Amino acid sequence: MKNAKRLLVMKGSKVAVFDLARSKPTDAELMELLLGTTGNLRAPVVVRGSTVLVGFNADVYEDELG
């Protein structure tokens, strides 16, 4: 996350996009976004360049990964 410029968090059909180049969430906010209800890291996690994808949404994956 240190070098990430964009963070996309997907929970079902909901997609939250964060521009980390402009503002970075606090560690507590990141933990809330990245951890699932069991306290484990949400899956899948994909890092592509400076973009981090957390969770799964087929449309977003198609747009971001081609």
N, C-alpha and C. Protein backbone atom coordinates (compact mmCIF):
# COMPACT_ATOMS: atom_id res chain seq x y z
N MET A 1 0.82 -1.20 0.00
CA MET A 1 0.00 0.00 0.00
C MET A 1 0.86 1.26 0.00
N LYS A 2 2.10 1.13 0.40
CA LYS A 2 2.96 2.30 0.49
C LYS A 2 3.13 3.00 -0.86
N ASN A 3 3.23 2.22 -1.94
CA ASN A 3 3.47 2.80 -3.27
C ASN A 3 2.20 2.92 -4.10
N ALA A 4 1.08 2.53 -3.55
CA ALA A 4 -0.18 2.56 -4.31
C ALA A 4 -0.67 3.99 -4.50
N LYS A 5 -1.23 4.22 -5.69
CA LYS A 5 -1.83 5.53 -5.99
C LYS A 5 -3.35 5.44 -6.09
N ARG A 6 -3.86 4.22 -6.37
CA ARG A 6 -5.31 4.00 -6.45
C ARG A 6 -5.65 2.74 -5.69
N LEU A 7 -6.77 2.78 -5.00
CA LEU A 7 -7.28 1.63 -4.27
C LEU A 7 -8.73 1.44 -4.67
N LEU A 8 -9.07 0.25 -5.14
CA LEU A 8 -10.45 -0.09 -5.47
C LEU A 8 -10.87 -1.21 -4.55
N VAL A 9 -11.92 -0.97 -3.77
CA VAL A 9 -12.42 -1.97 -2.84
C VAL A 9 -13.81 -2.39 -3.30
N MET A 10 -13.97 -3.69 -3.53
CA MET A 10 -15.23 -4.21 -4.05
C MET A 10 -15.87 -5.13 -3.03
N LYS A 11 -17.13 -4.85 -2.74
CA LYS A 11 -17.93 -5.69 -1.85
C LYS A 11 -19.23 -5.95 -2.57
N GLY A 12 -19.31 -7.10 -3.24
CA GLY A 12 -20.48 -7.40 -4.06
C GLY A 12 -20.54 -6.44 -5.22
N SER A 13 -21.68 -5.78 -5.39
CA SER A 13 -21.81 -4.83 -6.50
C SER A 13 -21.33 -3.43 -6.13
N LYS A 14 -20.97 -3.21 -4.87
CA LYS A 14 -20.48 -1.90 -4.43
C LYS A 14 -18.99 -1.79 -4.70
N VAL A 15 -18.60 -0.67 -5.28
CA VAL A 15 -17.19 -0.42 -5.58
C VAL A 15 -16.82 0.95 -5.02
N ALA A 16 -15.79 0.98 -4.21
CA ALA A 16 -15.28 2.24 -3.67
C ALA A 16 -13.91 2.49 -4.26
N VAL A 17 -13.70 3.67 -4.83
CA VAL A 17 -12.43 4.02 -5.46
C VAL A 17 -11.78 5.14 -4.64
N PHE A 18 -10.51 4.94 -4.31
CA PHE A 18 -9.78 5.93 -3.52
C PHE A 18 -8.56 6.39 -4.31
N ASP A 19 -8.38 7.70 -4.42
CA ASP A 19 -7.22 8.29 -5.06
C ASP A 19 -6.19 8.54 -3.97
N LEU A 20 -5.28 7.59 -3.79
CA LEU A 20 -4.31 7.68 -2.70
C LEU A 20 -3.23 8.71 -2.97
N ALA A 21 -3.11 9.16 -4.22
CA ALA A 21 -2.15 10.20 -4.54
C ALA A 21 -2.59 11.53 -3.94
N ARG A 22 -3.90 11.71 -3.78
CA ARG A 22 -4.43 12.96 -3.22
C ARG A 22 -4.60 12.91 -1.72
N SER A 23 -5.14 11.80 -1.21
CA SER A 23 -5.32 11.68 0.23
C SER A 23 -5.26 10.21 0.62
N LYS A 24 -4.60 9.96 1.72
CA LYS A 24 -4.45 8.59 2.19
C LYS A 24 -5.35 8.37 3.41
N PRO A 25 -6.08 7.25 3.40
CA PRO A 25 -6.89 6.92 4.58
C PRO A 25 -5.96 6.62 5.76
N THR A 26 -6.49 6.76 6.94
CA THR A 26 -5.72 6.40 8.13
C THR A 26 -5.56 4.88 8.17
N ASP A 27 -4.66 4.41 9.01
CA ASP A 27 -4.47 2.97 9.15
C ASP A 27 -5.76 2.28 9.57
N ALA A 28 -6.51 2.91 10.46
CA ALA A 28 -7.77 2.33 10.92
C ALA A 28 -8.77 2.23 9.77
N GLU A 29 -8.84 3.27 8.94
CA GLU A 29 -9.74 3.25 7.78
C GLU A 29 -9.32 2.16 6.79
N LEU A 30 -8.01 2.04 6.56
CA LEU A 30 -7.53 0.99 5.66
C LEU A 30 -7.88 -0.40 6.19
N MET A 31 -7.71 -0.61 7.47
CA MET A 31 -8.03 -1.92 8.05
C MET A 31 -9.51 -2.24 7.86
N GLU A 32 -10.36 -1.26 8.04
CA GLU A 32 -11.79 -1.46 7.85
C GLU A 32 -12.11 -1.84 6.40
N LEU A 33 -11.40 -1.23 5.46
CA LEU A 33 -11.62 -1.51 4.04
C LEU A 33 -11.05 -2.86 3.63
N LEU A 34 -9.87 -3.20 4.14
CA LEU A 34 -9.14 -4.36 3.65
C LEU A 34 -9.46 -5.66 4.37
N LEU A 35 -10.03 -5.57 5.56
CA LEU A 35 -10.32 -6.78 6.32
C LEU A 35 -11.78 -7.16 6.20
N GLY A 36 -12.02 -8.46 6.08
CA GLY A 36 -13.40 -8.96 6.02
C GLY A 36 -13.98 -9.10 7.41
N THR A 37 -15.16 -9.69 7.49
CA THR A 37 -15.87 -9.82 8.77
C THR A 37 -15.15 -10.75 9.74
N THR A 38 -14.33 -11.67 9.22
CA THR A 38 -13.60 -12.59 10.09
C THR A 38 -12.29 -12.01 10.59
N GLY A 39 -11.93 -10.83 10.08
CA GLY A 39 -10.68 -10.21 10.47
C GLY A 39 -9.52 -10.56 9.56
N ASN A 40 -9.78 -11.38 8.55
CA ASN A 40 -8.74 -11.75 7.58
C ASN A 40 -8.77 -10.78 6.41
N LEU A 41 -7.67 -10.73 5.68
CA LEU A 41 -7.58 -9.90 4.50
C LEU A 41 -8.63 -10.34 3.49
N ARG A 42 -9.37 -9.37 2.95
CA ARG A 42 -10.37 -9.69 1.93
C ARG A 42 -9.66 -10.27 0.71
N ALA A 43 -10.32 -11.16 0.02
CA ALA A 43 -9.70 -11.80 -1.14
C ALA A 43 -10.59 -11.64 -2.34
N PRO A 44 -10.07 -11.66 -3.51
CA PRO A 44 -8.64 -11.62 -3.81
C PRO A 44 -8.09 -10.21 -3.68
N VAL A 45 -6.77 -10.12 -3.64
CA VAL A 45 -6.06 -8.85 -3.66
C VAL A 45 -5.13 -8.89 -4.87
N VAL A 46 -5.26 -7.90 -5.74
CA VAL A 46 -4.44 -7.82 -6.94
C VAL A 46 -3.72 -6.48 -6.94
N VAL A 47 -2.42 -6.52 -7.14
CA VAL A 47 -1.63 -5.31 -7.28
C VAL A 47 -1.15 -5.25 -8.72
N ARG A 48 -1.52 -4.20 -9.41
CA ARG A 48 -1.08 -4.01 -10.79
C ARG A 48 -0.54 -2.59 -10.91
N GLY A 49 0.76 -2.49 -11.01
CA GLY A 49 1.38 -1.17 -11.05
C GLY A 49 1.13 -0.45 -9.75
N SER A 50 0.53 0.72 -9.83
CA SER A 50 0.25 1.51 -8.63
C SER A 50 -1.22 1.40 -8.21
N THR A 51 -1.93 0.41 -8.77
CA THR A 51 -3.34 0.19 -8.43
C THR A 51 -3.49 -1.10 -7.63
N VAL A 52 -4.27 -1.02 -6.55
CA VAL A 52 -4.56 -2.19 -5.73
C VAL A 52 -6.06 -2.46 -5.81
N LEU A 53 -6.40 -3.71 -6.16
CA LEU A 53 -7.80 -4.15 -6.22
C LEU A 53 -8.03 -5.10 -5.06
N VAL A 54 -9.06 -4.84 -4.28
CA VAL A 54 -9.39 -5.69 -3.13
C VAL A 54 -10.83 -6.14 -3.28
N GLY A 55 -11.04 -7.46 -3.22
CA GLY A 55 -12.38 -8.00 -3.42
C GLY A 55 -12.57 -8.37 -4.87
N PHE A 56 -13.79 -8.71 -5.25
CA PHE A 56 -14.03 -9.14 -6.63
C PHE A 56 -15.31 -8.54 -7.18
N ASN A 57 -15.19 -8.02 -8.39
CA ASN A 57 -16.31 -7.57 -9.19
C ASN A 57 -15.88 -7.77 -10.64
N ALA A 58 -16.58 -8.65 -11.37
CA ALA A 58 -16.18 -9.03 -12.72
C ALA A 58 -16.05 -7.82 -13.65
N ASP A 59 -16.97 -6.87 -13.56
CA ASP A 59 -16.91 -5.69 -14.42
C ASP A 59 -15.67 -4.85 -14.14
N VAL A 60 -15.35 -4.66 -12.89
CA VAL A 60 -14.17 -3.87 -12.52
C VAL A 60 -12.91 -4.59 -12.98
N TYR A 61 -12.85 -5.90 -12.79
CA TYR A 61 -11.67 -6.66 -13.23
C TYR A 61 -11.50 -6.54 -14.73
N GLU A 62 -12.59 -6.61 -15.48
CA GLU A 62 -12.53 -6.48 -16.94
C GLU A 62 -11.99 -5.09 -17.31
N ASP A 63 -12.50 -4.06 -16.66
CA ASP A 63 -12.05 -2.69 -16.94
C ASP A 63 -10.59 -2.47 -16.58
N GLU A 64 -10.18 -2.99 -15.44
CA GLU A 64 -8.83 -2.72 -14.93
C GLU A 64 -7.77 -3.65 -15.51
N LEU A 65 -8.14 -4.90 -15.76
CA LEU A 65 -7.15 -5.89 -16.16
C LEU A 65 -7.26 -6.32 -17.62
N GLY A 66 -8.39 -5.94 -18.23
CA GLY A 66 -8.59 -6.25 -19.66
C GLY A 66 -8.97 -7.61 -19.95
